[in-house]
Amino acid sequence: MTSPYAFTNALCRAPARSAVKGIRADGGPDPDFTGLVAEHEAYVATLRELGLAVEVLEPLDDFPDALFTEDVALTFPKGAILLRPGASSRAGEVAYIRAPLAAHHSRLLEMTGPGYADGGDILRLADRVIIGLSARTDRTGAEELADLLGKLGYRAEIAETPPGVLHFKTGCGLIDERTILAVPALAACPQFDGLEVVTTPPGEEPAANILRIRDTLLVGDRWSATRALLAARGVAVRPLPTDQIAHIDAGLSCMSLRW
């Protein structure tokens, strides 16, 4: 498998005005739309500064969560996989990502069901892919996805996501090829055996959704202790605002498909 973060391309989607009504597990106030757009634009600009060619798709007002392109597909150098999102309100998004993906990937595979899988539950490592079971990814979907990953040459393992963690990657992210940042509830995940696991500082559990792009780690700017922890390991850290996307249960990895 190629490096899990040596990306050259990304596919994003601009937030629609309806995004302020995006799915959230525990209620809470709507995000501010102007702030949400500003966070998304800062994110796209950062990806471009880090050397990625970024395509930004038009907003989809009928699908409030469509700016989170990561949840509806997986992208690899060898091909892409169209997923089946676990939230019924997001199922229609897949049709709108098909053509943009086909323009960049000569091989396009697709889940057919009946199971479900969200991209937010998929963690790529250097030697395999972990599929986390959650409220949005069931075992039937995980098993179908594992078969499709096998067709692209990737080995998959299925893991349990702890209660209270929305997506597997809500609770963990890749620091480097051998090191995981994880919330305490996920630190003992058996699929992390053989890797070093660094736990999030107390009170900064939402910081676990880091995103490594080449030699830089993107981290929510509110999480000063996590940023210091990562910087102390000699990794370049880029803080980004995530206040508004956090209102709709999202983080840094959600806003792009990368390959």
Protein backbone atom coordinates (compact mmCIF):
# COMPACT_ATOMS: atom_id res chain seq x y z
CA MET A 1 0.00 0.00 0.00
CA THR A 2 1.19 3.53 -0.71
CA SER A 3 1.71 6.06 2.08
CA PRO A 4 -1.63 6.78 3.76
CA TYR A 5 -1.07 10.55 3.62
CA ALA A 6 1.09 11.27 0.54
CA PHE A 7 -1.83 12.93 -1.22
CA THR A 8 -1.74 14.93 -4.45
CA ASN A 9 -5.47 15.50 -5.01
CA ALA A 10 -8.60 16.32 -3.03
CA LEU A 11 -12.30 16.61 -3.81
CA CYS A 12 -14.41 18.97 -1.69
CA ARG A 13 -17.91 20.42 -1.90
CA ALA A 14 -18.87 23.95 -0.93
CA PRO A 15 -21.41 24.21 1.93
CA ALA A 16 -25.02 24.85 0.91
CA ARG A 17 -27.12 27.25 2.99
CA SER A 18 -29.03 24.19 4.20
CA ALA A 19 -25.81 22.94 5.86
CA VAL A 20 -26.79 24.75 9.06
CA LYS A 21 -29.49 22.08 9.43
CA GLY A 22 -27.02 19.23 9.08
CA ILE A 23 -27.33 16.03 11.10
CA ARG A 24 -26.24 16.14 14.73
CA ALA A 25 -26.52 13.34 17.23
CA ASP A 26 -27.18 15.38 20.35
CA GLY A 27 -29.06 18.43 19.11
CA GLY A 28 -27.48 21.76 19.93
CA PRO A 29 -27.54 25.10 18.13
CA ASP A 30 -27.16 25.54 14.40
CA PRO A 31 -23.78 26.67 13.13
CA ASP A 32 -23.38 30.17 11.75
CA PHE A 33 -23.43 29.88 7.96
CA THR A 34 -20.90 32.65 7.33
CA GLY A 35 -18.55 31.07 9.84
CA LEU A 36 -19.08 27.63 8.33
CA VAL A 37 -18.17 28.91 4.87
CA ALA A 38 -15.09 30.65 6.27
CA GLU A 39 -13.92 27.43 7.95
CA HIS A 40 -14.44 25.47 4.73
CA GLU A 41 -12.57 28.06 2.65
CA ALA A 42 -9.66 28.07 5.12
CA TYR A 43 -9.55 24.28 4.89
CA VAL A 44 -9.48 24.28 1.08
CA ALA A 45 -6.84 27.00 1.02
CA THR A 46 -4.67 24.98 3.41
CA LEU A 47 -4.89 21.85 1.27
CA ARG A 48 -3.78 23.90 -1.72
CA GLU A 49 -0.92 25.50 0.25
CA LEU A 50 0.24 21.99 1.13
CA GLY A 51 0.49 21.14 -2.57
CA LEU A 52 -2.79 19.37 -3.34
CA ALA A 53 -4.84 19.99 -6.48
CA VAL A 54 -8.29 20.64 -4.98
CA GLU A 55 -11.56 20.51 -6.92
CA VAL A 56 -14.46 22.18 -5.13
CA LEU A 57 -17.89 20.99 -6.25
CA GLU A 58 -21.03 23.11 -6.24
CA PRO A 59 -23.20 23.08 -3.09
CA LEU A 60 -26.22 20.77 -2.91
CA ASP A 61 -29.04 22.50 -1.07
CA ASP A 62 -31.16 19.33 -0.98
CA PHE A 63 -28.44 17.58 1.02
CA PRO A 64 -27.34 19.60 4.09
CA ASP A 65 -24.42 17.27 4.88
CA ALA A 66 -23.03 17.03 1.34
CA LEU A 67 -19.99 19.20 2.17
CA PHE A 68 -18.69 16.16 4.05
CA THR A 69 -17.56 14.38 0.90
CA GLU A 70 -15.49 11.81 2.80
CA ASP A 71 -18.58 9.96 4.02
CA VAL A 72 -19.93 8.95 0.60
CA ALA A 73 -16.84 7.46 -1.06
CA LEU A 74 -13.31 6.17 -0.63
CA THR A 75 -10.53 7.24 -2.97
CA PHE A 76 -7.23 5.50 -3.68
CA PRO A 77 -4.62 5.73 -6.45
CA LYS A 78 -5.95 2.42 -7.83
CA GLY A 79 -9.62 3.42 -7.85
CA ALA A 80 -12.57 4.71 -5.86
CA ILE A 81 -15.46 3.09 -4.01
CA LEU A 82 -18.95 4.58 -3.76
CA LEU A 83 -20.32 3.92 -0.29
CA ARG A 84 -23.82 3.60 1.20
CA PRO A 85 -24.16 6.26 3.93
CA GLY A 86 -25.78 5.08 7.13
CA ALA A 87 -28.05 8.13 7.43
CA SER A 88 -31.00 7.81 5.04
CA SER A 89 -31.03 11.55 4.38
CA ARG A 90 -27.58 11.25 2.81
CA ALA A 91 -28.20 8.36 0.43
CA GLY A 92 -28.93 10.68 -2.50
CA GLU A 93 -25.51 12.33 -2.24
CA VAL A 94 -23.81 9.34 -3.83
CA ALA A 95 -25.29 10.08 -7.26
CA TYR A 96 -23.71 13.54 -7.22
CA ILE A 97 -20.20 12.32 -6.42
CA ARG A 98 -20.13 9.58 -9.08
CA ALA A 99 -19.20 11.73 -12.11
CA PRO A 100 -16.53 13.81 -10.33
CA LEU A 101 -14.91 10.60 -9.07
CA ALA A 102 -15.11 8.92 -12.48
CA ALA A 103 -13.30 11.92 -13.98
CA HIS A 104 -10.29 11.16 -11.79
CA HIS A 105 -10.46 7.38 -11.33
CA SER A 106 -10.55 4.85 -14.17
CA ARG A 107 -11.88 2.18 -11.79
CA LEU A 108 -15.04 2.89 -9.82
CA LEU A 109 -16.52 0.23 -7.52
CA GLU A 110 -19.80 0.55 -5.64
CA MET A 111 -21.48 -0.87 -2.58
CA THR A 112 -24.86 -2.40 -3.43
CA GLY A 113 -26.19 -3.18 0.04
CA PRO A 114 -28.13 -4.03 2.03
CA GLY A 115 -25.46 -2.90 4.49
CA TYR A 116 -24.16 0.60 5.11
CA ALA A 117 -20.76 2.22 5.50
CA ASP A 118 -19.67 5.84 6.06
CA GLY A 119 -16.24 7.07 5.08
CA GLY A 120 -15.86 8.61 8.52
CA ASP A 121 -15.53 5.06 9.85
CA ILE A 122 -12.61 4.16 7.58
CA LEU A 123 -9.01 4.63 8.77
CA ARG A 124 -6.21 3.95 6.29
CA LEU A 125 -2.94 2.65 7.69
CA ALA A 126 0.29 1.97 5.83
CA ASP A 127 -0.45 -1.76 5.49
CA ARG A 128 -4.22 -2.10 5.83
CA VAL A 129 -7.59 -0.35 6.19
CA ILE A 130 -9.63 -0.39 9.40
CA ILE A 131 -13.43 -0.26 9.10
CA GLY A 132 -15.10 0.80 12.33
CA LEU A 133 -18.61 -0.38 13.16
CA SER A 134 -20.84 2.46 14.33
CA ALA A 135 -24.38 3.79 14.11
CA ARG A 136 -23.53 4.64 10.48
CA THR A 137 -21.59 1.51 9.47
CA ASP A 138 -23.06 -1.94 10.12
CA ARG A 139 -21.31 -5.29 9.92
CA THR A 140 -23.00 -6.26 6.64
CA GLY A 141 -21.79 -3.06 5.05
CA ALA A 142 -18.32 -3.42 6.54
CA GLU A 143 -17.99 -6.93 5.14
CA GLU A 144 -19.11 -5.83 1.66
CA LEU A 145 -16.69 -2.91 1.80
CA ALA A 146 -13.86 -5.20 2.88
CA ASP A 147 -14.49 -7.33 -0.22
CA LEU A 148 -14.40 -4.24 -2.46
CA LEU A 149 -11.19 -3.04 -0.83
CA GLY A 150 -9.72 -6.46 -1.57
CA LYS A 151 -10.44 -5.92 -5.26
CA LEU A 152 -8.28 -2.80 -5.13
CA GLY A 153 -5.54 -4.73 -3.35
CA TYR A 154 -6.14 -3.48 0.19
CA ARG A 155 -6.52 -5.68 3.26
CA ALA A 156 -9.31 -4.66 5.63
CA GLU A 157 -9.99 -5.30 9.31
CA ILE A 158 -13.25 -4.61 11.12
CA ALA A 159 -13.17 -2.85 14.49
CA GLU A 160 -15.71 -1.84 17.12
CA THR A 161 -16.35 1.86 17.69
CA PRO A 162 -16.98 2.65 21.38
CA PRO A 163 -20.45 3.86 22.44
CA GLY A 164 -20.71 7.62 22.32
CA VAL A 165 -18.20 7.95 19.44
CA LEU A 166 -20.11 8.88 16.26
CA HIS A 167 -17.60 7.67 13.68
CA PHE A 168 -14.46 5.60 14.16
CA LYS A 169 -12.34 8.57 13.05
CA THR A 170 -14.20 10.86 15.44
CA GLY A 171 -12.09 9.05 18.02
CA CYS A 172 -8.77 8.56 16.24
CA GLY A 173 -6.42 9.80 13.56
CA LEU A 174 -3.04 9.00 12.07
CA ILE A 175 0.00 10.87 13.41
CA ASP A 176 2.38 8.90 11.21
CA GLU A 177 2.52 5.44 9.66
CA ARG A 178 3.15 3.78 13.02
CA THR A 179 1.38 6.12 15.45
CA ILE A 180 -2.29 6.77 16.24
CA LEU A 181 -3.86 9.63 18.19
CA ALA A 182 -6.94 8.24 19.95
CA VAL A 183 -9.46 9.11 22.61
CA PRO A 184 -9.01 7.01 25.77
CA ALA A 185 -12.08 4.91 24.95
CA LEU A 186 -10.47 3.76 21.70
CA ALA A 187 -6.86 3.47 22.86
CA ALA A 188 -7.08 -0.28 23.48
CA CYS A 189 -8.61 -1.09 20.08
CA PRO A 190 -7.21 -4.53 19.12
CA GLN A 191 -6.71 -3.38 15.53
CA PHE A 192 -4.08 -0.93 16.83
CA ASP A 193 -1.86 -3.77 18.07
CA GLY A 194 1.70 -3.20 16.90
CA LEU A 195 1.21 0.57 16.66
CA GLU A 196 2.01 3.28 19.16
CA VAL A 197 -1.17 4.88 20.51
CA VAL A 198 -1.05 8.42 21.90
CA THR A 199 -4.15 9.45 23.86
CA THR A 200 -5.78 12.86 23.65
CA PRO A 201 -5.17 15.19 26.61
CA PRO A 202 -8.02 15.40 29.16
CA GLY A 203 -10.89 17.53 27.88
CA GLU A 204 -9.58 17.53 24.30
CA GLU A 205 -11.19 14.33 23.01
CA PRO A 206 -12.66 16.11 19.93
CA ALA A 207 -9.08 16.82 18.83
CA ALA A 208 -8.64 13.15 17.88
CA ASN A 209 -9.97 13.83 14.38
CA ILE A 210 -6.65 15.08 13.07
CA LEU A 211 -5.77 14.91 9.39
CA ARG A 212 -2.27 14.30 8.08
CA ILE A 213 -1.52 15.81 4.67
CA ARG A 214 1.98 14.89 3.52
CA ASP A 215 4.30 16.18 6.27
CA THR A 216 1.74 18.34 8.09
CA LEU A 217 -0.91 17.53 10.68
CA LEU A 218 -4.11 19.57 10.57
CA VAL A 219 -5.58 20.04 14.05
CA GLY A 220 -8.52 22.02 15.39
CA ASP A 221 -7.22 25.37 16.63
CA ARG A 222 -9.05 25.10 19.96
CA TRP A 223 -6.99 22.13 21.10
CA SER A 224 -3.82 23.75 22.40
CA ALA A 225 -2.68 20.81 24.54
CA THR A 226 -3.06 18.39 21.63
CA ARG A 227 -1.21 20.74 19.30
CA ALA A 228 1.64 21.00 21.79
CA LEU A 229 1.71 17.22 22.23
CA LEU A 230 1.99 16.67 18.49
CA ALA A 231 4.50 19.46 17.92
CA ALA A 232 6.71 17.95 20.61
CA ARG A 233 6.95 14.83 18.45
CA GLY A 234 8.61 16.88 15.72
CA VAL A 235 5.64 16.97 13.35
CA ALA A 236 4.57 20.18 11.61
CA VAL A 237 1.17 21.20 12.99
CA ARG A 238 -1.30 23.50 11.25
CA PRO A 239 -4.21 24.73 13.39
CA LEU A 240 -7.54 25.25 11.63
CA PRO A 241 -10.85 26.63 12.93
CA THR A 242 -13.52 23.96 13.47
CA ASP A 243 -16.00 25.71 15.78
CA GLN A 244 -18.87 25.78 13.29
CA ILE A 245 -18.45 22.37 11.68
CA ALA A 246 -18.34 20.89 15.18
CA HIS A 247 -21.97 21.99 15.60
CA ILE A 248 -22.91 19.44 12.93
CA ASP A 249 -20.81 16.58 14.28
CA ALA A 250 -17.93 17.00 11.85
CA GLY A 251 -14.18 17.43 11.88
CA LEU A 252 -11.22 17.93 9.60
CA SER A 253 -11.14 14.61 7.75
CA CYS A 254 -14.82 14.86 6.77
CA MET A 255 -14.48 17.79 4.37
CA SER A 256 -12.46 16.14 1.59
CA LEU A 257 -11.84 13.01 -0.38
CA ARG A 258 -8.09 12.61 -0.83
CA TRP A 259 -5.84 10.47 -2.97
